[in-house]
Amino acid sequence: MDNHNDASTELLNKVRHCSLCAAHLPLGPRPILQWHPQARILIAGQAPGRKAHDAGLPFADASGERLRGWMGLTAEQFYNPQLVAILPMGFCFPGTGKSGDLPPRPECAPAWRQTLLKPLKQLQLTIVIGQYAQAYHLPTAQPSVTHTVASWQDYWPDIIPLPHPSPRNNIWLKRNPWFAEQLLPKLQARVKQVLLLKLQ
C-alpha cells in the first residue's frame, strides 16, 4: 500500500512540476489539478482561469461556486481529492483572448491525461464540462455543447455533460431552462448516490 501511495505522490509531483508549455503561457506554468486514485467522481473541464491560477486551486472563482451548487456539494466535499478528481484538459492558465480565456494548451492532454486517468479505478461518475473536454471524453459528442448537454440521457448514468458554469453562460442558462429543471436534479441525485457509496 505504501508503494502505491508513493507512486501516486510521485506522479502528482511530476505533473505539478511540468513546464512543457512554458513558452506559451503568459503567466508561466502552474499546473492546477486535484487527483487521488480513490476518487469516485471525475470533473473533466477546460483549463484553470486566472483566479484559479492565482489561488493555485481549481475552480477558485464564481464558476466553482456555481458548479458546486449544480452538484449539490459543499466546498469541503468538492475539494476532497478522495471524493472528487479535477482534471482539466489543460492544467495551466492559457491566457486571455478577445472573448474570454484561450483554449487549453494542446500539449497537455497527450502528455498526461491517460497516465492520470488509468489509476482511477473507483470512478463511478465523470462530469464533462465544455467543448474541449466533451470532444475528448465523448466520441459521439454532438456538434455543439448545447446539443451534447441536451443529449445527456445518452451518456447516463456514468457520464454527464455540462456547459461551463462561468457567468459568461448566464444567457445560455436563461435560454435553456430545461437544464435547471430536468438535468440538475438528476445530477445532484447521482452525485449523492455516488458519494454515499464512497462514504459507506
Protein backbone atom coordinates (compact mmCIF):
# COMPACT_ATOMS: atom_id res chain seq x y z
CA MET A 1 0.00 0.00 0.00
CA ASP A 2 2.85 2.35 0.82
CA ASN A 3 4.41 1.73 -2.58
CA HIS A 4 1.07 2.57 -4.20
CA ASN A 5 0.84 5.83 -2.26
CA ASP A 6 4.45 6.70 -3.08
CA ALA A 7 3.84 6.12 -6.79
CA SER A 8 0.73 8.31 -6.72
CA THR A 9 2.55 11.10 -4.91
CA GLU A 10 5.45 10.88 -7.35
CA LEU A 11 3.13 11.11 -10.36
CA LEU A 12 1.30 14.11 -8.93
CA ASN A 13 4.60 15.86 -8.22
CA LYS A 14 5.75 15.25 -11.79
CA VAL A 15 2.59 16.80 -13.18
CA ARG A 16 2.81 19.80 -10.88
CA HIS A 17 6.38 20.47 -12.00
CA CYS A 18 5.58 20.16 -15.70
CA SER A 19 6.85 23.03 -17.86
CA LEU A 20 6.04 21.57 -21.27
CA CYS A 21 4.06 24.62 -22.40
CA ALA A 22 6.09 27.27 -20.56
CA ALA A 23 6.94 29.22 -23.70
CA HIS A 24 3.24 29.69 -24.50
CA LEU A 25 1.90 30.59 -21.04
CA PRO A 26 1.67 34.33 -20.27
CA LEU A 27 1.89 33.76 -16.50
CA GLY A 28 4.21 30.79 -16.67
CA PRO A 29 3.45 27.16 -15.81
CA ARG A 30 1.40 26.40 -12.73
CA PRO A 31 -0.39 23.09 -13.25
CA ILE A 32 -3.64 23.04 -11.28
CA LEU A 33 -5.46 19.79 -10.73
CA GLN A 34 -6.92 17.62 -7.99
CA TRP A 35 -6.26 13.90 -8.11
CA HIS A 36 -6.27 10.76 -5.97
CA PRO A 37 -6.59 7.14 -7.15
CA GLN A 38 -9.57 6.59 -4.84
CA ALA A 39 -11.70 9.39 -6.34
CA ARG A 40 -15.28 8.42 -7.19
CA ILE A 41 -16.16 11.45 -9.32
CA LEU A 42 -14.08 12.95 -12.12
CA ILE A 43 -14.63 16.52 -13.27
CA ALA A 44 -13.14 16.92 -16.74
CA GLY A 45 -13.03 20.63 -17.52
CA GLN A 46 -11.31 23.09 -19.83
CA ALA A 47 -8.38 24.91 -18.20
CA PRO A 48 -7.97 26.93 -15.00
CA GLY A 49 -8.90 30.61 -15.13
CA ARG A 50 -6.85 33.50 -13.83
CA LYS A 51 -8.31 33.33 -10.31
CA ALA A 52 -7.64 29.60 -10.09
CA HIS A 53 -4.07 30.25 -11.27
CA ASP A 54 -3.57 32.92 -8.62
CA ALA A 55 -5.06 30.73 -5.88
CA GLY A 56 -3.40 27.51 -7.01
CA LEU A 57 -6.80 25.83 -6.62
CA PRO A 58 -9.19 24.55 -9.32
CA PHE A 59 -12.47 26.41 -9.73
CA ALA A 60 -11.48 29.07 -7.20
CA ASP A 61 -13.96 31.57 -8.65
CA ALA A 62 -17.63 32.17 -9.37
CA SER A 63 -17.63 29.22 -11.78
CA GLY A 64 -16.62 26.95 -8.93
CA GLU A 65 -19.39 28.25 -6.68
CA ARG A 66 -21.94 27.59 -9.40
CA LEU A 67 -20.53 24.14 -10.19
CA ARG A 68 -20.67 23.11 -6.53
CA GLY A 69 -24.27 24.31 -6.46
CA TRP A 70 -25.08 22.31 -9.57
CA MET A 71 -23.57 19.19 -7.99
CA GLY A 72 -25.03 19.79 -4.53
CA LEU A 73 -21.60 19.65 -2.88
CA THR A 74 -20.05 21.65 -0.09
CA ALA A 75 -16.60 23.15 -0.67
CA GLU A 76 -15.20 20.56 1.76
CA GLN A 77 -16.62 17.69 -0.28
CA PHE A 78 -15.67 19.26 -3.60
CA TYR A 79 -12.04 19.77 -2.58
CA ASN A 80 -11.61 16.29 -1.11
CA PRO A 81 -9.43 14.51 -3.69
CA GLN A 82 -10.52 11.09 -2.42
CA LEU A 83 -14.06 12.01 -3.47
CA VAL A 84 -13.54 14.28 -6.49
CA ALA A 85 -10.74 14.34 -9.06
CA ILE A 86 -10.49 17.54 -11.13
CA LEU A 87 -8.55 17.14 -14.37
CA PRO A 88 -8.94 19.97 -16.88
CA MET A 89 -7.88 19.42 -20.48
CA GLY A 90 -5.06 21.88 -19.88
CA PHE A 91 -3.59 22.15 -16.40
CA CYS A 92 -2.24 25.70 -16.72
CA PHE A 93 -3.95 29.05 -17.28
CA PRO A 94 -3.63 29.56 -21.06
CA GLY A 95 -4.11 33.32 -21.11
CA THR A 96 -6.95 35.55 -22.24
CA GLY A 97 -8.20 36.26 -25.76
CA LYS A 98 -10.76 38.66 -27.20
CA SER A 99 -13.78 36.69 -25.99
CA GLY A 100 -12.51 35.10 -22.81
CA ASP A 101 -9.81 32.66 -21.81
CA LEU A 102 -7.85 30.96 -24.57
CA PRO A 103 -8.35 27.24 -25.29
CA PRO A 104 -6.43 24.68 -23.23
CA ARG A 105 -2.90 24.15 -24.49
CA PRO A 106 -2.95 21.15 -26.88
CA GLU A 107 0.27 19.67 -25.50
CA CYS A 108 -1.18 18.90 -22.07
CA ALA A 109 -3.69 16.12 -22.69
CA PRO A 110 -1.39 13.88 -24.78
CA ALA A 111 1.36 14.26 -22.19
CA TRP A 112 -0.60 13.48 -19.03
CA ARG A 113 -4.24 12.58 -19.45
CA GLN A 114 -4.16 8.82 -19.91
CA THR A 115 -1.43 8.47 -17.27
CA LEU A 116 -3.70 10.16 -14.73
CA LEU A 117 -6.96 8.54 -15.83
CA LYS A 118 -5.70 4.95 -15.78
CA PRO A 119 -5.28 4.68 -11.97
CA LEU A 120 -8.80 6.00 -11.31
CA LYS A 121 -10.30 2.52 -10.82
CA GLN A 122 -13.01 3.67 -8.38
CA LEU A 123 -14.69 6.18 -10.69
CA GLN A 124 -18.47 5.99 -10.75
CA LEU A 125 -19.23 9.28 -12.48
CA THR A 126 -17.48 11.58 -14.96
CA ILE A 127 -18.74 15.15 -15.37
CA VAL A 128 -17.59 16.57 -18.69
CA ILE A 129 -17.61 20.37 -18.93
CA GLY A 130 -17.35 22.34 -22.16
CA GLN A 131 -16.47 21.60 -25.75
CA TYR A 132 -12.82 20.57 -25.39
CA ALA A 133 -13.44 18.06 -22.63
CA GLN A 134 -16.53 16.74 -24.40
CA ALA A 135 -14.63 16.27 -27.67
CA TYR A 136 -12.04 14.20 -25.79
CA HIS A 137 -14.26 12.15 -23.48
CA LEU A 138 -17.34 11.73 -25.66
CA PRO A 139 -16.51 10.29 -29.09
CA THR A 140 -20.18 10.66 -30.04
CA ALA A 141 -20.43 14.27 -28.83
CA GLN A 142 -22.86 16.44 -30.78
CA PRO A 143 -21.73 19.40 -32.95
CA SER A 144 -22.31 21.90 -30.14
CA VAL A 145 -22.20 21.93 -26.36
CA THR A 146 -25.93 22.67 -26.31
CA HIS A 147 -26.74 19.58 -28.35
CA THR A 148 -24.37 17.42 -26.32
CA VAL A 149 -25.81 18.56 -22.99
CA ALA A 150 -29.34 18.16 -24.33
CA SER A 151 -28.42 14.55 -25.15
CA TRP A 152 -27.29 13.85 -21.57
CA GLN A 153 -29.52 10.79 -21.27
CA ASP A 154 -27.41 9.09 -23.96
CA TYR A 155 -24.47 9.02 -21.53
CA TRP A 156 -26.34 8.43 -18.27
CA PRO A 157 -25.52 7.32 -15.58
CA ASP A 158 -21.73 7.10 -15.94
CA ILE A 159 -21.10 10.38 -17.76
CA ILE A 160 -22.90 13.71 -17.53
CA PRO A 161 -22.04 16.53 -19.99
CA LEU A 162 -22.43 20.09 -18.71
CA PRO A 163 -21.97 23.59 -20.08
CA HIS A 164 -19.27 25.67 -18.46
CA PRO A 165 -20.55 27.15 -15.17
CA SER A 166 -18.98 30.52 -15.97
CA PRO A 167 -21.10 33.68 -15.50
CA ARG A 168 -20.48 34.18 -19.24
CA ASN A 169 -23.04 31.42 -19.75
CA ASN A 170 -25.88 33.19 -17.93
CA ILE A 171 -27.61 33.90 -21.24
CA TRP A 172 -27.31 30.22 -22.22
CA LEU A 173 -28.88 29.18 -18.93
CA LYS A 174 -31.80 31.56 -19.46
CA ARG A 175 -32.33 30.26 -22.99
CA ASN A 176 -32.24 26.63 -21.86
CA PRO A 177 -34.44 26.37 -18.77
CA TRP A 178 -34.68 22.59 -19.19
CA PHE A 179 -31.10 22.38 -17.93
CA ALA A 180 -32.01 23.54 -14.41
CA GLU A 181 -35.44 21.93 -14.44
CA GLN A 182 -34.57 18.49 -15.79
CA LEU A 183 -30.83 17.81 -15.67
CA LEU A 184 -29.65 19.43 -12.43
CA PRO A 185 -31.96 17.46 -10.11
CA LYS A 186 -30.76 14.24 -11.76
CA LEU A 187 -27.13 15.35 -11.47
CA GLN A 188 -27.47 16.13 -7.77
CA ALA A 189 -29.18 12.83 -7.06
CA ARG A 190 -26.48 10.92 -8.96
CA VAL A 191 -23.66 12.74 -7.14
CA LYS A 192 -25.29 11.99 -3.80
CA GLN A 193 -25.68 8.33 -4.74
CA VAL A 194 -22.02 8.04 -5.73
CA LEU A 195 -20.73 9.73 -2.59
CA LEU A 196 -22.94 7.63 -0.34
CA LEU A 197 -21.34 4.57 -1.92
CA LYS A 198 -17.93 6.05 -1.10
CA LEU A 199 -18.81 7.05 2.46
CA GLN A 200 -20.37 3.73 3.48
